[in-house]
Amino acid sequence: MLFRKKVPQCCAYCVHAGHIDDHQMICRRKGIVAAADQCRRFRYDPLKRVPARPKPQTFDRFHAGDFQL
């Protein structure tokens, strides 16, 4: 989502909004709004995006001999 052209327009990713809690934002333009709200003044801030955690690696397909020189 960081490099996609189409970013979901919601207050959680907007430059004008700040976090109050998980479900509410405070907007410079509108005041207190829900995090999923949107308006026409939306501007994407990539630093507000929290990336998903990567899946843990599974090394079950390797054997002990694979790691020896």
PDB file of N, CA and C in Angstrom:
ATOM      1  N   MET A   1       0.811  -1.182   0.000  1.00  0.00           N
ATOM      2  CA  MET A   1       0.000   0.000   0.000  1.00  0.00           C
ATOM      3  C   MET A   1       0.860   1.253   0.000  1.00  0.00           C
ATOM      4  N   LEU A   2       2.063   1.165   0.462  1.00  0.00           N
ATOM      5  CA  LEU A   2       2.926   2.336   0.534  1.00  0.00           C
ATOM      6  C   LEU A   2       3.237   2.898  -0.845  1.00  0.00           C
ATOM      7  N   PHE A   3       3.417   2.038  -1.847  1.00  0.00           N
ATOM      8  CA  PHE A   3       3.785   2.495  -3.168  1.00  0.00           C
ATOM      9  C   PHE A   3       2.660   2.374  -4.188  1.00  0.00           C
ATOM     10  N   ARG A   4       1.472   2.023  -3.749  1.00  0.00           N
ATOM     11  CA  ARG A   4       0.338   1.933  -4.662  1.00  0.00           C
ATOM     12  C   ARG A   4      -0.146   3.324  -5.035  1.00  0.00           C
ATOM     13  N   LYS A   5      -0.702   3.438  -6.233  1.00  0.00           N
ATOM     14  CA  LYS A   5      -1.256   4.723  -6.660  1.00  0.00           C
ATOM     15  C   LYS A   5      -2.593   5.010  -5.990  1.00  0.00           C
ATOM     16  N   LYS A   6      -3.394   3.951  -5.776  1.00  0.00           N
ATOM     17  CA  LYS A   6      -4.695   4.124  -5.145  1.00  0.00           C
ATOM     18  C   LYS A   6      -4.574   3.823  -3.652  1.00  0.00           C
ATOM     19  N   VAL A   7      -4.644   4.843  -2.842  1.00  0.00           N
ATOM     20  CA  VAL A   7      -4.575   4.712  -1.401  1.00  0.00           C
ATOM     21  C   VAL A   7      -5.982   4.909  -0.859  1.00  0.00           C
ATOM     22  N   PRO A   8      -6.428   4.051   0.066  1.00  0.00           N
ATOM     23  CA  PRO A   8      -7.772   4.262   0.615  1.00  0.00           C
ATOM     24  C   PRO A   8      -7.833   5.601   1.348  1.00  0.00           C
ATOM     25  N   GLN A   9      -8.758   6.431   0.948  1.00  0.00           N
ATOM     26  CA  GLN A   9      -8.861   7.759   1.543  1.00  0.00           C
ATOM     27  C   GLN A   9      -9.612   7.676   2.856  1.00  0.00           C
ATOM     28  N   CYS A  10      -8.874   7.684   3.943  1.00  0.00           N
ATOM     29  CA  CYS A  10      -9.482   7.718   5.267  1.00  0.00           C
ATOM     30  C   CYS A  10      -8.634   8.604   6.166  1.00  0.00           C
ATOM     31  N   CYS A  11      -9.222   9.109   7.209  1.00  0.00           N
ATOM     32  CA  CYS A  11      -8.541  10.050   8.091  1.00  0.00           C
ATOM     33  C   CYS A  11      -7.332   9.426   8.794  1.00  0.00           C
ATOM     34  N   ALA A  12      -7.278   8.123   8.897  1.00  0.00           N
ATOM     35  CA  ALA A  12      -6.151   7.470   9.558  1.00  0.00           C
ATOM     36  C   ALA A  12      -4.845   7.698   8.803  1.00  0.00           C
ATOM     37  N   TYR A  13      -4.894   7.969   7.487  1.00  0.00           N
ATOM     38  CA  TYR A  13      -3.697   8.186   6.677  1.00  0.00           C
ATOM     39  C   TYR A  13      -3.536   9.629   6.211  1.00  0.00           C
ATOM     40  N   CYS A  14      -4.297  10.551   6.768  1.00  0.00           N
ATOM     41  CA  CYS A  14      -4.314  11.935   6.288  1.00  0.00           C
ATOM     42  C   CYS A  14      -3.304  12.808   7.028  1.00  0.00           C
ATOM     43  N   VAL A  15      -2.753  13.781   6.301  1.00  0.00           N
ATOM     44  CA  VAL A  15      -1.798  14.736   6.867  1.00  0.00           C
ATOM     45  C   VAL A  15      -2.465  15.625   7.908  1.00  0.00           C
ATOM     46  N   HIS A  16      -3.719  15.939   7.710  1.00  0.00           N
ATOM     47  CA  HIS A  16      -4.428  16.896   8.556  1.00  0.00           C
ATOM     48  C   HIS A  16      -4.971  16.294   9.855  1.00  0.00           C
ATOM     49  N   ALA A  17      -4.850  14.984  10.043  1.00  0.00           N
ATOM     50  CA  ALA A  17      -5.461  14.316  11.194  1.00  0.00           C
ATOM     51  C   ALA A  17      -4.400  13.789  12.158  1.00  0.00           C
ATOM     52  N   GLY A  18      -4.761  13.747  13.436  1.00  0.00           N
ATOM     53  CA  GLY A  18      -3.918  13.169  14.472  1.00  0.00           C
ATOM     54  C   GLY A  18      -4.715  12.153  15.269  1.00  0.00           C
ATOM     55  N   HIS A  19      -4.027  11.185  15.843  1.00  0.00           N
ATOM     56  CA  HIS A  19      -4.706  10.102  16.558  1.00  0.00           C
ATOM     57  C   HIS A  19      -5.170  10.546  17.948  1.00  0.00           C
ATOM     58  N   ILE A  20      -6.387  10.196  18.283  1.00  0.00           N
ATOM     59  CA  ILE A  20      -6.891  10.310  19.649  1.00  0.00           C
ATOM     60  C   ILE A  20      -6.841   8.928  20.276  1.00  0.00           C
ATOM     61  N   ASP A  21      -7.467   7.967  19.612  1.00  0.00           N
ATOM     62  CA  ASP A  21      -7.400   6.551  19.999  1.00  0.00           C
ATOM     63  C   ASP A  21      -7.528   5.728  18.720  1.00  0.00           C
ATOM     64  N   ASP A  22      -7.796   4.435  18.840  1.00  0.00           N
ATOM     65  CA  ASP A  22      -7.841   3.572  17.662  1.00  0.00           C
ATOM     66  C   ASP A  22      -8.993   3.893  16.714  1.00  0.00           C
ATOM     67  N   HIS A  23     -10.063   4.477  17.224  1.00  0.00           N
ATOM     68  CA  HIS A  23     -11.258   4.684  16.411  1.00  0.00           C
ATOM     69  C   HIS A  23     -11.566   6.151  16.132  1.00  0.00           C
ATOM     70  N   GLN A  24     -10.850   7.086  16.763  1.00  0.00           N
ATOM     71  CA  GLN A  24     -11.141   8.500  16.567  1.00  0.00           C
ATOM     72  C   GLN A  24      -9.876   9.270  16.205  1.00  0.00           C
ATOM     73  N   MET A  25     -10.079  10.301  15.393  1.00  0.00           N
ATOM     74  CA  MET A  25      -8.996  11.180  14.962  1.00  0.00           C
ATOM     75  C   MET A  25      -9.424  12.617  15.237  1.00  0.00           C
ATOM     76  N   ILE A  26      -8.439  13.508  15.374  1.00  0.00           N
ATOM     77  CA  ILE A  26      -8.746  14.928  15.459  1.00  0.00           C
ATOM     78  C   ILE A  26      -8.189  15.585  14.201  1.00  0.00           C
ATOM     79  N   CYS A  27      -9.075  16.204  13.470  1.00  0.00           N
ATOM     80  CA  CYS A  27      -8.747  16.795  12.172  1.00  0.00           C
ATOM     81  C   CYS A  27      -8.630  18.303  12.323  1.00  0.00           C
ATOM     82  N   ARG A  28      -7.661  18.907  11.638  1.00  0.00           N
ATOM     83  CA  ARG A  28      -7.508  20.361  11.660  1.00  0.00           C
ATOM     84  C   ARG A  28      -8.695  21.051  11.000  1.00  0.00           C
ATOM     85  N   ARG A  29      -9.330  20.368  10.073  1.00  0.00           N
ATOM     86  CA  ARG A  29     -10.420  20.958   9.295  1.00  0.00           C
ATOM     87  C   ARG A  29     -11.798  20.679   9.884  1.00  0.00           C
ATOM     88  N   LYS A  30     -12.021  19.450  10.368  1.00  0.00           N
ATOM     89  CA  LYS A  30     -13.363  19.017  10.762  1.00  0.00           C
ATOM     90  C   LYS A  30     -13.544  18.806  12.257  1.00  0.00           C
ATOM     91  N   GLY A  31     -12.470  18.739  13.036  1.00  0.00           N
ATOM     92  CA  GLY A  31     -12.591  18.458  14.467  1.00  0.00           C
ATOM     93  C   GLY A  31     -12.459  16.967  14.728  1.00  0.00           C
ATOM     94  N   ILE A  32     -13.220  16.450  15.666  1.00  0.00           N
ATOM     95  CA  ILE A  32     -13.159  15.033  16.013  1.00  0.00           C
ATOM     96  C   ILE A  32     -13.994  14.232  15.018  1.00  0.00           C
ATOM     97  N   VAL A  33     -13.345  13.258  14.380  1.00  0.00           N
ATOM     98  CA  VAL A  33     -13.998  12.421  13.376  1.00  0.00           C
ATOM     99  C   VAL A  33     -13.588  10.971  13.600  1.00  0.00           C
ATOM    100  N   ALA A  34     -14.309  10.064  12.968  1.00  0.00           N
ATOM    101  CA  ALA A  34     -13.956   8.644  13.025  1.00  0.00           C
ATOM    102  C   ALA A  34     -12.731   8.404  12.130  1.00  0.00           C
ATOM    103  N   ALA A  35     -11.951   7.389  12.450  1.00  0.00           N
ATOM    104  CA  ALA A  35     -10.733   7.086  11.689  1.00  0.00           C
ATOM    105  C   ALA A  35     -11.052   6.650  10.262  1.00  0.00           C
ATOM    106  N   ALA A  36     -12.227   6.118  10.020  1.00  0.00           N
ATOM    107  CA  ALA A  36     -12.601   5.652   8.685  1.00  0.00           C
ATOM    108  C   ALA A  36     -13.254   6.744   7.838  1.00  0.00           C
ATOM    109  N   ASP A  37     -13.506   7.920   8.402  1.00  0.00           N
ATOM    110  CA  ASP A  37     -14.115   9.010   7.640  1.00  0.00           C
ATOM    111  C   ASP A  37     -13.172   9.503   6.559  1.00  0.00           C
ATOM    112  N   GLN A  38     -13.740  10.247   5.621  1.00  0.00           N
ATOM    113  CA  GLN A  38     -12.941  10.841   4.556  1.00  0.00           C
ATOM    114  C   GLN A  38     -13.551  12.173   4.158  1.00  0.00           C
ATOM    115  N   CYS A  39     -12.747  13.041   3.566  1.00  0.00           N
ATOM    116  CA  CYS A  39     -13.255  14.308   3.045  1.00  0.00           C
ATOM    117  C   CYS A  39     -12.459  14.684   1.804  1.00  0.00           C
ATOM    118  N   ARG A  40     -12.834  15.761   1.163  1.00  0.00           N
ATOM    119  CA  ARG A  40     -12.178  16.139  -0.088  1.00  0.00           C
ATOM    120  C   ARG A  40     -10.801  16.752   0.126  1.00  0.00           C
ATOM    121  N   ARG A  41     -10.440  17.078   1.348  1.00  0.00           N
ATOM    122  CA  ARG A  41      -9.123  17.659   1.643  1.00  0.00           C
ATOM    123  C   ARG A  41      -8.084  16.607   2.022  1.00  0.00           C
ATOM    124  N   PHE A  42      -8.368  15.353   1.740  1.00  0.00           N
ATOM    125  CA  PHE A  42      -7.464  14.256   2.075  1.00  0.00           C
ATOM    126  C   PHE A  42      -6.116  14.416   1.372  1.00  0.00           C
ATOM    127  N   ARG A  43      -5.048  14.292   2.152  1.00  0.00           N
ATOM    128  CA  ARG A  43      -3.684  14.253   1.612  1.00  0.00           C
ATOM    129  C   ARG A  43      -2.975  13.118   2.315  1.00  0.00           C
ATOM    130  N   TYR A  44      -2.429  12.200   1.547  1.00  0.00           N
ATOM    131  CA  TYR A  44      -1.813  10.978   2.066  1.00  0.00           C
ATOM    132  C   TYR A  44      -0.497  11.284   2.770  1.00  0.00           C
ATOM    133  N   ASP A  45      -0.318  10.731   3.958  1.00  0.00           N
ATOM    134  CA  ASP A  45       0.925  10.819   4.717  1.00  0.00           C
ATOM    135  C   ASP A  45       1.464   9.402   4.886  1.00  0.00           C
ATOM    136  N   PRO A  46       2.513   9.015   4.144  1.00  0.00           N
ATOM    137  CA  PRO A  46       3.004   7.634   4.215  1.00  0.00           C
ATOM    138  C   PRO A  46       3.584   7.261   5.570  1.00  0.00           C
ATOM    139  N   LEU A  47       3.940   8.224   6.392  1.00  0.00           N
ATOM    140  CA  LEU A  47       4.506   7.917   7.711  1.00  0.00           C
ATOM    141  C   LEU A  47       3.455   7.472   8.715  1.00  0.00           C
ATOM    142  N   LYS A  48       2.191   7.693   8.435  1.00  0.00           N
ATOM    143  CA  LYS A  48       1.123   7.261   9.339  1.00  0.00           C
ATOM    144  C   LYS A  48       0.708   5.817   9.110  1.00  0.00           C
ATOM    145  N   ARG A  49       1.170   5.223   8.034  1.00  0.00           N
ATOM    146  CA  ARG A  49       0.819   3.842   7.719  1.00  0.00           C
ATOM    147  C   ARG A  49       1.670   2.900   8.555  1.00  0.00           C
ATOM    148  N   VAL A  50       1.032   1.961   9.219  1.00  0.00           N
ATOM    149  CA  VAL A  50       1.731   0.936   9.993  1.00  0.00           C
ATOM    150  C   VAL A  50       1.707  -0.343   9.170  1.00  0.00           C
ATOM    151  N   PRO A  51       2.871  -0.789   8.676  1.00  0.00           N
ATOM    152  CA  PRO A  51       2.868  -1.989   7.835  1.00  0.00           C
ATOM    153  C   PRO A  51       2.538  -3.241   8.632  1.00  0.00           C
ATOM    154  N   ALA A  52       2.006  -4.222   7.948  1.00  0.00           N
ATOM    155  CA  ALA A  52       1.674  -5.494   8.588  1.00  0.00           C
ATOM    156  C   ALA A  52       2.961  -6.224   8.950  1.00  0.00           C
ATOM    157  N   ARG A  53       2.909  -6.999  10.019  1.00  0.00           N
ATOM    158  CA  ARG A  53       4.085  -7.756  10.423  1.00  0.00           C
ATOM    159  C   ARG A  53       4.348  -8.868   9.418  1.00  0.00           C
ATOM    160  N   PRO A  54       5.611  -9.098   9.088  1.00  0.00           N
ATOM    161  CA  PRO A  54       5.903 -10.182   8.152  1.00  0.00           C
ATOM    162  C   PRO A  54       5.633 -11.541   8.781  1.00  0.00           C
ATOM    163  N   LYS A  55       5.292 -12.483   7.947  1.00  0.00           N
ATOM    164  CA  LYS A  55       5.032 -13.830   8.442  1.00  0.00           C
ATOM    165  C   LYS A  55       6.334 -14.460   8.909  1.00  0.00           C
ATOM    166  N   PRO A  56       6.321 -15.221   9.992  1.00  0.00           N
ATOM    167  CA  PRO A  56       7.561 -15.861  10.446  1.00  0.00           C
ATOM    168  C   PRO A  56       8.027 -16.909   9.438  1.00  0.00           C
ATOM    169  N   GLN A  57       9.322 -16.992   9.280  1.00  0.00           N
ATOM    170  CA  GLN A  57       9.905 -17.939   8.343  1.00  0.00           C
ATOM    171  C   GLN A  57       9.849 -19.353   8.913  1.00  0.00           C
ATOM    172  N   THR A  58       9.562 -20.312   8.089  1.00  0.00           N
ATOM    173  CA  THR A  58       9.590 -21.713   8.497  1.00  0.00           C
ATOM    174  C   THR A  58      10.781 -22.380   7.832  1.00  0.00           C
ATOM    175  N   PHE A  59      11.606 -22.985   8.643  1.00  0.00           N
ATOM    176  CA  PHE A  59      12.797 -23.658   8.146  1.00  0.00           C
ATOM    177  C   PHE A  59      12.648 -25.167   8.250  1.00  0.00           C
ATOM    178  N   ASP A  60      11.432 -25.650   8.251  1.00  0.00           N
ATOM    179  CA  ASP A  60      11.165 -27.088   8.366  1.00  0.00           C
ATOM    180  C   ASP A  60      11.621 -27.866   7.131  1.00  0.00           C
ATOM    181  N   ARG A  61      11.669 -27.215   5.998  1.00  0.00           N
ATOM    182  CA  ARG A  61      12.030 -27.930   4.777  1.00  0.00           C
ATOM    183  C   ARG A  61      13.543 -28.167   4.657  1.00  0.00           C
ATOM    184  N   PHE A  62      14.338 -27.550   5.556  1.00  0.00           N
ATOM    185  CA  PHE A  62      15.782 -27.742   5.536  1.00  0.00           C
ATOM    186  C   PHE A  62      16.197 -28.823   6.528  1.00  0.00           C
ATOM    187  N   HIS A  63      17.343 -29.423   6.279  1.00  0.00           N
ATOM    188  CA  HIS A  63      17.914 -30.432   7.171  1.00  0.00           C
ATOM    189  C   HIS A  63      19.193 -29.874   7.776  1.00  0.00           C
ATOM    190  N   ALA A  64      19.716 -30.531   8.800  1.00  0.00           N
ATOM    191  CA  ALA A  64      20.936 -30.063   9.457  1.00  0.00           C
ATOM    192  C   ALA A  64      22.121 -30.066   8.488  1.00  0.00           C
ATOM    193  N   GLY A  65      22.137 -30.981   7.530  1.00  0.00           N
ATOM    194  CA  GLY A  65      23.223 -31.028   6.542  1.00  0.00           C
ATOM    195  C   GLY A  65      23.244 -29.835   5.608  1.00  0.00           C
ATOM    196  N   ASP A  66      22.142 -29.151   5.460  1.00  0.00           N
ATOM    197  CA  ASP A  66      22.083 -27.958   4.603  1.00  0.00           C
ATOM    198  C   ASP A  66      22.876 -26.796   5.189  1.00  0.00           C
ATOM    199  N   PHE A  67      23.123 -26.822   6.501  1.00  0.00           N
ATOM    200  CA  PHE A  67      23.788 -25.705   7.167  1.00  0.00           C
ATOM    201  C   PHE A  67      25.248 -26.022   7.512  1.00  0.00           C
ATOM    202  N   GLN A  68      25.801 -27.051   6.970  1.00  0.00           N
ATOM    203  CA  GLN A  68      27.189 -27.403   7.221  1.00  0.00           C
ATOM    204  C   GLN A  68      28.032 -27.099   5.994  1.00  0.00           C
ATOM    205  N   LEU A  69      29.274 -26.748   6.237  1.00  0.00           N
ATOM    206  CA  LEU A  69      30.203 -26.499   5.127  1.00  0.00           C
ATOM    207  C   LEU A  69      30.911 -27.751   4.722  1.00  0.00           C
TER     208      LEU A  69
END
